[in-house]
Structures are given as structure tokens and as C-alpha cells.
Amino acid sequence: MFCFTHETPFCDTCDHKTCTVRTLDSYVIGIKETDRFQKVESSNEKLKTSLEKCCTKVKSAIDCIPDKKKAFISEIQKSREEISELINNLEKQCLDDISKRERKIEASYKRLILCLEGMQQNEADISALKSYASDLHTFIGLIDVEKTYKRCNNTIQELFIENNVTTINPKWTLTTKEMKKAFFSMNVGIIQPPYIQHEVSKVNIRSLELRKRKDIEIQIPKGLKDTVVRGCALLHNGGMCFTDQDNNRIVFHNPNGEFNFEQKLDCSPTDVISISESKIAISLSEKRLIVLMDVEGNKLDEYPTDSTGKFDSPGKFGGMDFYNEEIIVRVGGLGYYLINNKGKITSTIKTSHEYTPYIARSNDRIYFTKWDVDKVFCCKSTGEEIWTMKDEELLRPLME
């Protein structure tokens, strides 16, 4: 007997009352010609063939690992040499610059000594003129004293005020292209270099190759007060809008830069962002509110909040950005709020930095500028600082 429920042969005295139990004779005769047997045979052959191919590929991958390792070590060595060359050139550049400054300071010191000797001689001459010279000789001697004084005064002006002769500040440059070539040129098979987080300091700003669509001259109509633009946004239709803080308005222009219309507000706006094809969001600093505007219908509406209609904010609202259906807004004295489309504050990012009115967000990174120290910062969405960048070309940077 055979139990087809459990696929187990058993004695006819066993308790399988609820199972399908039959004799094997009716099923085993001719089993080799059945579809079941042929299907098992075919499937087994296909799986065996696939396993053989997989084994061949894995074995091949294992065999090529030593070669990949050698190639990777070779690339590492090449990059190490490039980095070493960069550092050596940098050292030479700095030392050469210091040597030039040293020679210049030494030459300036000699000029100062001559000036000091001239002033000491002037002092002696003035004393002699006062004591022994006639008025005529005093008049003539005074001319020489004044010439010496003027020459020495001009020397001091040139050395200390114009050239700041006592400063030794070696100038050196290490371009982003050179760093990228040195650190990220390795690419050996499937082996990739690790991601390197580092502070970018004294690195030339890499120019972005942007395609210029066209030159647009924008003339914002005058208001009752001076026009003070604090924020701007590109609209989905190609147009643009600007916040005029002192005139409490949003000014709209068409894609050609021509004035279209303006929307009056009851307080001064700080920043504006586009959040959909027809809607923009406006931050109102004093009211600590975010206002929505339907651009097509010229309709204003407060951003939805949970209950009070206002955000419980310790500071004024500043710059904003919109990413992944969330608004991130600068909150003075605190940091940043992440606000979802229902007006709920989903996260608070605290930062002690001041003078950072604007912000940009991408993935889990936020970027902001600190204009009083000419720096750009990159942080995680938790507020943890990843890197900072300072460059001589960054002068009071702002970000939009």
C-alpha cells in the first residue's frame, strides 16, 4: 500500500483513514513513459546545465581575482604617485611664494632703515636750524627736511597700507580637476574606490558648464518704496517671480522677462518656491507663516497647519526649498523645519549657524551658505555637518 497524501509506503494496519491510500501497482506500471517522469528528467537536465554555467562563471571570476587585485594595486600606486607629485608641487609652490615674500620684506626693511636714518638726520637738522641757522638758511634747509619727510611718508604708505608688507600668506591652488584625477581615477573591473568625505578648503571653485538659453533683461516695476528682492523662483510655464520685501508684493514676469502682474501681501515676503505646475509657496518672515498662491487663479491661501493656523516657531521664517513633497524652511535662531503637504512639521534640523538665510536640499543632503565668512556648508538631514568649502572667489555668497 502507498499513502499518496504523505507520499509514504506503510503497512495496511497503520492509521491513515483520512489519506488517499491505494496499491502501487496501478501507478508504477509504465511510470517511465508518463509525463511526470519526462518532465522531471527534462527539468533536471536544464537545472544541471544552468548550474554548470554558473559554476563556470564563478570559477572564472575566482580565477581573475588575482589579476584584478594586481591591476587595482597598480592603479593605487599610480594614484599615490600622482597625489605625491601634487603635494610636492604644492610644497614647492608655497616655499617659493614664501621666499619671494621674504626677499620683498627684506628689501622693504632696508628701505625702512634708510627712512629711519633720514628722519634721524631730519631731527638733527631741525635742531641745528633752530639753534644756529639764519632765517635764509632755515628756509633753504626746511625744503630739504620736507623732501625727506615726504619721501619717508610715501614709503610707509606704500609698504604698510597698500602692500601690507608684514603679511606672509603663501598662495597655492589645487584644482578640483586635479583632485578628482588623483583620488577618483581608479576603475579596475568591478572594484570601485571608496567614497571619501573630506572638508574642501582652498580649492578653486569648479565652473559648471551651463547652457545659456538666452539673455533676459528684467525690469521690476517701481513700488512706493525701494525695490528689495530677497527671493525668486522659476515657474513651470517658464516664467519667473520675485519677492519684493519692502513693497509687500510678489512680482511675476513671463518667460521673456516682461512684467506680467503683481500680487499684494499684507506683510513682507522673504522667499518664494514653486511647488507644482500652478502653485507657489511664499514665506512671510514676521508672521512666521507660509502662504500658498494659485498662480493661474491669483488666489492666496495659508499653508495648512494642524490646528492653530500658525507654526509654533521660535524665530522668523527665511529661505525655503521644495523636495520630495516637503518644504524645508529656515527658522531664525533654531535651524530648519521640514514640513509636509498637510502642514505638519515632520522634522526639526537644529544648527547654531547664523547668517544662513537660504537653503537648498537634494536627497538626504542640505546645503546652505554663511555669507559673513564666505563659506558653503553641506549637512545630513539630521544636521550633522559633512563638509565645508571656502574659496577666495566666494564673496558673501547667497544660495537660492
Protein backbone atom coordinates (compact mmCIF):
# COMPACT_ATOMS: atom_id res chain seq x y z
CA MET A 1 0.00 0.00 0.00
CA PHE A 2 1.08 3.61 -0.56
CA CYS A 3 -0.20 6.86 1.01
CA PHE A 4 -0.39 9.45 -1.76
CA THR A 5 -1.20 12.20 0.74
CA HIS A 6 2.12 11.79 2.55
CA GLU A 7 3.95 10.01 -0.28
CA THR A 8 4.97 7.27 2.13
CA PRO A 9 4.61 3.49 1.92
CA PHE A 10 3.04 1.96 5.02
CA CYS A 11 1.54 -1.17 6.47
CA ASP A 12 -2.20 -1.69 5.96
CA THR A 13 -2.61 -1.71 9.73
CA CYS A 14 -1.42 1.97 10.05
CA ASP A 15 -3.93 4.73 10.81
CA HIS A 16 -4.33 6.70 7.54
CA LYS A 17 -8.08 6.85 7.49
CA THR A 18 -8.23 10.37 6.05
CA CYS A 19 -5.44 9.85 3.49
CA THR A 20 -5.58 8.71 -0.09
CA VAL A 21 -4.31 5.16 0.15
CA ARG A 22 -4.06 2.81 -2.82
CA THR A 23 -1.98 -0.04 -4.07
CA LEU A 24 1.14 0.90 -6.06
CA ASP A 25 0.58 -1.50 -8.96
CA SER A 26 -1.85 0.79 -10.80
CA TYR A 27 0.63 3.69 -10.65
CA VAL A 28 4.09 2.20 -11.03
CA ILE A 29 3.42 0.23 -14.19
CA GLY A 30 4.60 2.32 -17.18
CA ILE A 31 5.88 5.21 -14.95
CA LYS A 32 8.89 5.75 -17.23
CA GLU A 33 6.61 6.77 -20.11
CA THR A 34 4.49 9.21 -18.11
CA ASP A 35 4.60 13.00 -18.50
CA ARG A 36 5.65 13.29 -14.88
CA PHE A 37 8.80 11.22 -15.38
CA GLN A 38 9.70 13.01 -18.61
CA LYS A 39 9.11 16.43 -17.03
CA VAL A 40 11.35 15.60 -14.06
CA GLU A 41 14.02 14.31 -16.42
CA SER A 42 13.88 17.44 -18.62
CA SER A 43 13.83 19.86 -15.65
CA ASN A 44 16.74 18.07 -14.03
CA GLU A 45 18.79 18.34 -17.23
CA LYS A 46 18.04 22.07 -17.58
CA LEU A 47 18.92 22.79 -13.96
CA LYS A 48 22.15 20.78 -14.28
CA THR A 49 23.11 22.77 -17.39
CA SER A 50 22.38 26.08 -15.58
CA LEU A 51 24.44 25.02 -12.58
CA GLU A 52 27.35 24.07 -14.85
CA LYS A 53 27.23 27.53 -16.46
CA CYS A 54 27.05 29.23 -13.05
CA CYS A 55 29.98 27.19 -11.79
CA THR A 56 31.97 28.10 -14.89
CA LYS A 57 31.25 31.83 -14.41
CA VAL A 58 32.04 31.77 -10.68
CA LYS A 59 35.23 29.81 -11.29
CA SER A 60 36.21 32.30 -13.97
CA ALA A 61 35.54 35.18 -11.55
CA ILE A 62 37.67 33.48 -8.89
CA ASP A 63 40.49 32.88 -11.38
CA CYS A 64 40.57 36.53 -12.47
CA ILE A 65 40.62 37.96 -8.92
CA PRO A 66 44.46 37.85 -8.68
CA ASP A 67 44.73 39.78 -11.96
CA LYS A 68 42.13 42.32 -10.79
CA LYS A 69 43.98 42.65 -7.49
CA LYS A 70 47.24 43.33 -9.31
CA ALA A 71 45.56 45.86 -11.60
CA PHE A 72 43.93 47.59 -8.63
CA ILE A 73 47.25 47.74 -6.75
CA SER A 74 48.82 49.20 -9.89
CA GLU A 75 46.10 51.87 -10.09
CA ILE A 76 46.51 52.64 -6.38
CA GLN A 77 50.24 53.05 -6.87
CA LYS A 78 49.68 55.31 -9.86
CA SER A 79 47.25 57.46 -7.89
CA ARG A 80 49.62 57.52 -4.92
CA GLU A 81 52.37 58.84 -7.19
CA GLU A 82 50.04 61.46 -8.65
CA ILE A 83 48.97 62.58 -5.17
CA SER A 84 52.60 62.68 -4.03
CA GLU A 85 53.50 64.77 -7.06
CA LEU A 86 50.64 67.15 -6.33
CA ILE A 87 51.71 67.56 -2.71
CA ASN A 88 55.34 68.05 -3.69
CA ASN A 89 54.39 70.70 -6.24
CA LEU A 90 52.18 72.32 -3.64
CA GLU A 91 55.06 72.38 -1.14
CA LYS A 92 57.40 73.87 -3.73
CA GLN A 93 54.79 76.46 -4.69
CA CYS A 94 54.29 77.50 -1.06
CA LEU A 95 58.03 77.66 -0.33
CA ASP A 96 58.70 79.66 -3.50
CA ASP A 97 55.96 82.10 -2.54
CA ILE A 98 57.34 82.47 0.99
CA SER A 99 60.84 83.01 -0.41
CA LYS A 100 59.55 85.76 -2.68
CA ARG A 101 57.78 87.38 0.25
CA GLU A 102 60.93 87.04 2.33
CA ARG A 103 63.03 88.82 -0.29
CA LYS A 104 60.40 91.51 -0.62
CA ILE A 105 60.20 92.05 3.14
CA GLU A 106 63.99 92.21 3.42
CA ALA A 107 64.11 94.83 0.66
CA SER A 108 61.32 96.75 2.39
CA TYR A 109 63.22 96.57 5.69
CA LYS A 110 66.26 98.14 4.05
CA ARG A 111 64.07 100.93 2.70
CA LEU A 112 62.61 101.47 6.16
CA ILE A 113 66.09 101.65 7.71
CA LEU A 114 67.05 104.32 5.16
CA CYS A 115 63.85 106.20 6.01
CA LEU A 116 64.59 105.96 9.73
CA GLU A 117 68.12 107.28 9.15
CA GLY A 118 66.60 110.09 7.05
CA MET A 119 64.19 111.02 9.84
CA GLN A 120 67.01 110.93 12.40
CA GLN A 121 69.01 113.23 10.15
CA ASN A 122 65.94 115.47 9.83
CA GLU A 123 65.71 115.63 13.59
CA ALA A 124 69.35 116.67 13.84
CA ASP A 125 68.95 119.22 11.02
CA ILE A 126 65.85 120.76 12.60
CA SER A 127 67.69 121.09 15.89
CA ALA A 128 70.65 122.74 14.17
CA LEU A 129 68.42 125.11 12.19
CA LYS A 130 66.66 126.20 15.36
CA SER A 131 69.89 126.87 17.18
CA TYR A 132 72.38 128.23 14.64
CA ALA A 133 70.90 128.98 11.18
CA SER A 134 69.72 132.31 9.89
CA ASP A 135 66.23 132.68 8.50
CA LEU A 136 67.51 132.26 4.94
CA HIS A 137 69.46 129.12 5.80
CA THR A 138 66.47 127.84 7.76
CA PHE A 139 64.17 128.38 4.77
CA ILE A 140 66.54 126.51 2.46
CA GLY A 141 67.19 123.72 4.97
CA LEU A 142 63.48 123.30 5.63
CA ILE A 143 62.92 122.46 1.97
CA ASP A 144 65.33 119.52 2.25
CA VAL A 145 63.73 118.38 5.51
CA GLU A 146 60.26 118.41 3.91
CA LYS A 147 61.50 116.43 0.90
CA THR A 148 62.97 113.78 3.19
CA TYR A 149 59.76 113.66 5.23
CA LYS A 150 57.60 113.31 2.13
CA ARG A 151 59.78 110.51 0.75
CA CYS A 152 59.71 108.56 4.01
CA ASN A 153 55.97 109.07 4.48
CA ASN A 154 55.26 107.81 0.96
CA THR A 155 57.42 104.75 1.63
CA ILE A 156 55.45 103.89 4.76
CA GLN A 157 52.15 104.39 2.93
CA GLU A 158 53.29 102.10 0.12
CA LEU A 159 54.66 99.33 2.34
CA PHE A 160 52.06 99.09 5.07
CA ILE A 161 48.80 100.45 3.72
CA GLU A 162 48.90 99.42 0.07
CA ASN A 163 51.03 96.25 0.15
CA ASN A 164 50.77 95.11 3.80
CA VAL A 165 54.41 94.18 3.74
CA THR A 166 54.42 92.28 7.06
CA THR A 167 51.93 89.66 5.88
CA ILE A 168 53.27 86.27 4.80
CA ASN A 169 50.38 84.41 3.24
CA PRO A 170 51.59 81.81 0.73
CA LYS A 171 49.22 81.43 -2.17
CA TRP A 172 48.59 77.99 -3.58
CA THR A 173 45.96 76.31 -5.70
CA LEU A 174 44.85 72.72 -6.04
CA THR A 175 42.12 72.48 -8.64
CA THR A 176 39.08 70.26 -8.34
CA LYS A 177 40.07 68.62 -11.62
CA GLU A 178 43.47 67.66 -10.20
CA MET A 179 41.93 66.29 -7.01
CA LYS A 180 39.38 64.28 -8.96
CA LYS A 181 42.07 62.88 -11.20
CA ALA A 182 44.22 61.90 -8.22
CA PHE A 183 41.54 60.44 -5.97
CA PHE A 184 38.88 59.08 -8.29
CA SER A 185 40.63 57.88 -11.44
CA MET A 186 40.80 54.26 -10.29
CA ASN A 187 38.42 51.90 -12.08
CA VAL A 188 39.53 48.28 -12.18
CA GLY A 189 36.83 45.80 -13.20
CA ILE A 190 34.09 45.70 -10.60
CA ILE A 191 36.31 47.20 -7.89
CA GLN A 192 35.47 50.83 -7.14
CA PRO A 193 37.32 53.29 -4.87
CA PRO A 194 35.59 54.11 -1.60
CA TYR A 195 33.56 57.26 -1.14
CA ILE A 196 35.72 59.86 0.55
CA GLN A 197 34.21 62.56 2.76
CA HIS A 198 36.53 65.47 3.33
CA GLU A 199 36.48 69.17 4.05
CA VAL A 200 37.04 71.17 0.90
CA SER A 201 39.32 74.05 1.78
CA LYS A 202 41.21 76.40 -0.53
CA VAL A 203 40.06 74.53 -3.61
CA ASN A 204 39.22 76.50 -6.71
CA ILE A 205 35.52 76.52 -7.45
CA ARG A 206 34.79 74.26 -10.41
CA SER A 207 32.96 76.13 -13.13
CA LEU A 208 29.72 74.49 -14.16
CA GLU A 209 29.09 74.24 -17.87
CA LEU A 210 25.57 75.61 -18.10
CA ARG A 211 23.81 76.01 -21.38
CA LYS A 212 22.59 79.57 -21.68
CA ARG A 213 19.11 79.63 -23.06
CA LYS A 214 19.03 83.34 -23.79
CA ASP A 215 19.80 86.71 -22.25
CA ILE A 216 16.81 88.15 -20.42
CA GLU A 217 16.68 91.72 -19.16
CA ILE A 218 14.25 92.04 -16.28
CA GLN A 219 12.87 95.38 -15.16
CA ILE A 220 10.82 95.13 -11.98
CA PRO A 221 8.25 97.95 -11.80
CA LYS A 222 8.91 100.53 -9.10
CA GLY A 223 6.85 100.45 -5.94
CA LEU A 224 6.15 103.07 -3.30
CA LYS A 225 9.42 102.14 -1.62
CA ASP A 226 12.75 100.93 -2.93
CA THR A 227 12.62 97.51 -4.55
CA VAL A 228 14.32 94.90 -2.33
CA VAL A 229 14.34 91.42 -3.90
CA ARG A 230 15.01 88.65 -1.38
CA GLY A 231 13.79 85.57 -3.24
CA CYS A 232 12.99 84.32 -6.74
CA ALA A 233 11.59 81.21 -8.40
CA LEU A 234 11.21 79.76 -11.89
CA LEU A 235 7.66 78.72 -12.70
CA HIS A 236 6.63 75.59 -14.58
CA ASN A 237 5.43 77.68 -17.53
CA GLY A 238 8.90 79.20 -17.95
CA GLY A 239 8.02 82.44 -16.20
CA MET A 240 9.53 83.75 -13.01
CA CYS A 241 8.52 85.56 -9.84
CA PHE A 242 10.30 87.70 -7.27
CA THR A 243 9.67 88.72 -3.66
CA ASP A 244 9.80 92.49 -3.13
CA GLN A 245 10.27 92.71 0.62
CA ASP A 246 9.84 96.44 1.23
CA ASN A 247 6.77 96.78 -1.01
CA ASN A 248 4.98 93.66 0.36
CA ARG A 249 4.43 92.05 -3.02
CA ILE A 250 5.25 89.18 -5.38
CA VAL A 251 6.12 90.32 -8.91
CA PHE A 252 5.52 87.98 -11.87
CA HIS A 253 7.26 88.09 -15.26
CA ASN A 254 6.68 86.00 -18.37
CA PRO A 255 9.38 83.73 -19.93
CA ASN A 256 10.68 86.71 -21.95
CA GLY A 257 11.31 88.71 -18.79
CA GLU A 258 8.40 91.10 -19.37
CA PHE A 259 6.30 92.21 -16.41
CA ASN A 260 3.07 90.25 -16.12
CA PHE A 261 1.34 91.13 -12.85
CA GLU A 262 1.94 91.54 -9.12
CA GLN A 263 0.26 90.15 -6.02
CA LYS A 264 -0.01 92.36 -2.95
CA LEU A 265 0.57 90.87 0.51
CA ASP A 266 -0.26 92.19 3.99
CA CYS A 267 3.34 91.83 5.18
CA SER A 268 6.83 91.50 3.72
CA PRO A 269 7.74 88.22 1.96
CA THR A 270 11.18 86.62 2.27
CA ASP A 271 11.40 83.75 -0.21
CA VAL A 272 9.29 82.03 -2.86
CA ILE A 273 9.42 78.50 -4.33
CA SER A 274 7.45 76.61 -6.97
CA ILE A 275 5.75 73.50 -5.56
CA SER A 276 3.54 72.43 -8.50
CA GLU A 277 2.53 73.46 -12.00
CA SER A 278 0.17 76.12 -10.71
CA LYS A 279 1.17 76.77 -7.10
CA ILE A 280 3.93 78.64 -5.34
CA ALA A 281 4.78 78.90 -1.65
CA ILE A 282 5.80 82.19 -0.01
CA SER A 283 7.48 82.55 3.37
CA LEU A 284 6.33 85.51 5.48
CA SER A 285 9.08 86.36 7.94
CA GLU A 286 7.23 88.47 10.52
CA LYS A 287 4.07 86.34 10.64
CA ARG A 288 6.03 83.07 10.65
CA LEU A 289 3.68 81.73 8.03
CA ILE A 290 3.88 80.04 4.66
CA VAL A 291 1.33 81.26 2.13
CA LEU A 292 0.25 79.30 -0.93
CA MET A 293 -0.75 81.01 -4.15
CA ASP A 294 -2.57 79.61 -7.15
CA VAL A 295 -0.71 81.40 -9.93
CA GLU A 296 -3.38 80.68 -12.54
CA GLY A 297 -6.26 81.86 -10.34
CA ASN A 298 -4.36 84.56 -8.43
CA LYS A 299 -5.67 83.09 -5.20
CA LEU A 300 -3.87 83.23 -1.86
CA ASP A 301 -4.27 80.62 0.86
CA GLU A 302 -2.37 79.90 4.06
CA TYR A 303 -0.36 76.71 4.13
CA PRO A 304 -2.41 74.13 6.06
CA THR A 305 -1.41 73.64 9.67
CA ASP A 306 -2.59 71.15 12.26
CA SER A 307 -4.75 73.42 14.40
CA THR A 308 -3.69 76.98 15.16
CA GLY A 309 -3.21 78.19 11.61
CA LYS A 310 0.33 79.24 12.51
CA PHE A 311 3.54 77.35 13.03
CA ASP A 312 4.81 77.40 16.59
CA SER A 313 8.13 78.88 15.54
CA PRO A 314 10.72 80.44 17.86
CA GLY A 315 12.10 82.60 15.07
CA LYS A 316 11.27 84.28 11.79
CA PHE A 317 10.89 82.31 8.56
CA GLY A 318 13.56 82.76 5.90
CA GLY A 319 14.60 80.94 2.73
CA MET A 320 12.89 77.76 1.50
CA ASP A 321 13.31 74.82 -0.84
CA PHE A 322 10.92 72.10 -2.03
CA TYR A 323 11.96 68.47 -2.41
CA ASN A 324 10.12 65.14 -2.32
CA GLU A 325 6.77 66.78 -1.48
CA GLU A 326 8.26 68.56 1.53
CA ILE A 327 9.13 72.18 2.22
CA ILE A 328 12.30 72.97 4.14
CA VAL A 329 12.32 76.46 5.62
CA ARG A 330 14.91 78.45 7.55
CA VAL A 331 13.83 79.29 11.11
CA GLY A 332 15.82 82.06 12.76
CA GLY A 333 17.59 81.10 15.98
CA LEU A 334 16.75 77.41 15.54
CA GLY A 335 17.71 75.89 12.22
CA TYR A 336 15.24 74.40 9.72
CA TYR A 337 11.76 72.87 9.64
CA LEU A 338 10.74 70.05 7.30
CA ILE A 339 7.00 70.49 6.58
CA ASN A 340 4.83 68.02 4.67
CA ASN A 341 1.93 68.90 2.36
CA LYS A 342 -0.50 68.75 5.28
CA GLY A 343 1.31 71.46 7.16
CA LYS A 344 2.82 69.12 9.74
CA ILE A 345 6.39 69.68 10.89
CA THR A 346 7.92 66.25 10.30
CA SER A 347 11.43 67.11 11.43
CA THR A 348 13.47 69.89 13.02
CA ILE A 349 17.09 70.36 11.99
CA LYS A 350 18.96 72.36 14.60
CA THR A 351 22.04 74.41 13.78
CA SER A 352 23.96 77.08 15.62
CA HIS A 353 24.99 78.90 12.45
CA GLU A 354 23.76 82.44 11.94
CA TYR A 355 23.67 84.49 8.73
CA THR A 356 22.43 81.48 6.72
CA PRO A 357 19.14 82.81 5.30
CA TYR A 358 18.83 80.50 2.28
CA ILE A 359 18.94 76.75 1.78
CA ALA A 360 18.90 74.04 -0.90
CA ARG A 361 18.07 70.35 -0.50
CA SER A 362 18.91 67.26 -2.55
CA ASN A 363 18.27 63.68 -1.45
CA ASP A 364 19.33 63.44 2.21
CA ARG A 365 21.69 66.42 1.97
CA ILE A 366 21.04 70.08 2.72
CA TYR A 367 23.25 72.93 1.56
CA PHE A 368 23.45 76.48 2.84
CA THR A 369 25.79 79.46 2.63
CA LYS A 370 27.12 81.54 5.51
CA TRP A 371 27.74 84.87 3.86
CA ASP A 372 29.61 86.55 6.73
CA VAL A 373 32.51 84.06 6.47
CA ASP A 374 32.24 83.29 2.72
CA LYS A 375 31.56 79.55 3.20
CA VAL A 376 29.31 76.82 1.79
CA PHE A 377 28.14 74.04 4.11
CA CYS A 378 26.81 70.54 3.41
CA CYS A 379 24.94 68.65 6.13
CA LYS A 380 22.98 65.46 6.54
CA SER A 381 19.22 65.72 7.03
CA THR A 382 19.95 65.27 10.75
CA GLY A 383 22.03 68.46 10.80
CA GLU A 384 25.35 66.62 11.05
CA GLU A 385 27.97 68.57 9.11
CA ILE A 386 29.65 66.67 6.24
CA TRP A 387 31.89 69.27 4.65
CA THR A 388 32.52 72.98 4.28
CA MET A 389 34.02 74.88 1.40
CA LYS A 390 35.76 78.24 1.46
CA ASP A 391 37.27 79.85 -1.59
CA GLU A 392 38.69 83.26 -2.37
CA GLU A 393 36.19 83.56 -5.22
CA LEU A 394 33.27 83.21 -2.81
CA LEU A 395 32.43 86.73 -1.70
CA ARG A 396 29.38 87.00 0.59
CA PRO A 397 27.68 84.03 -1.12
CA LEU A 398 23.93 83.51 -1.12
CA MET A 399 22.04 80.44 -2.28
CA GLU A 400 18.68 80.18 -3.99
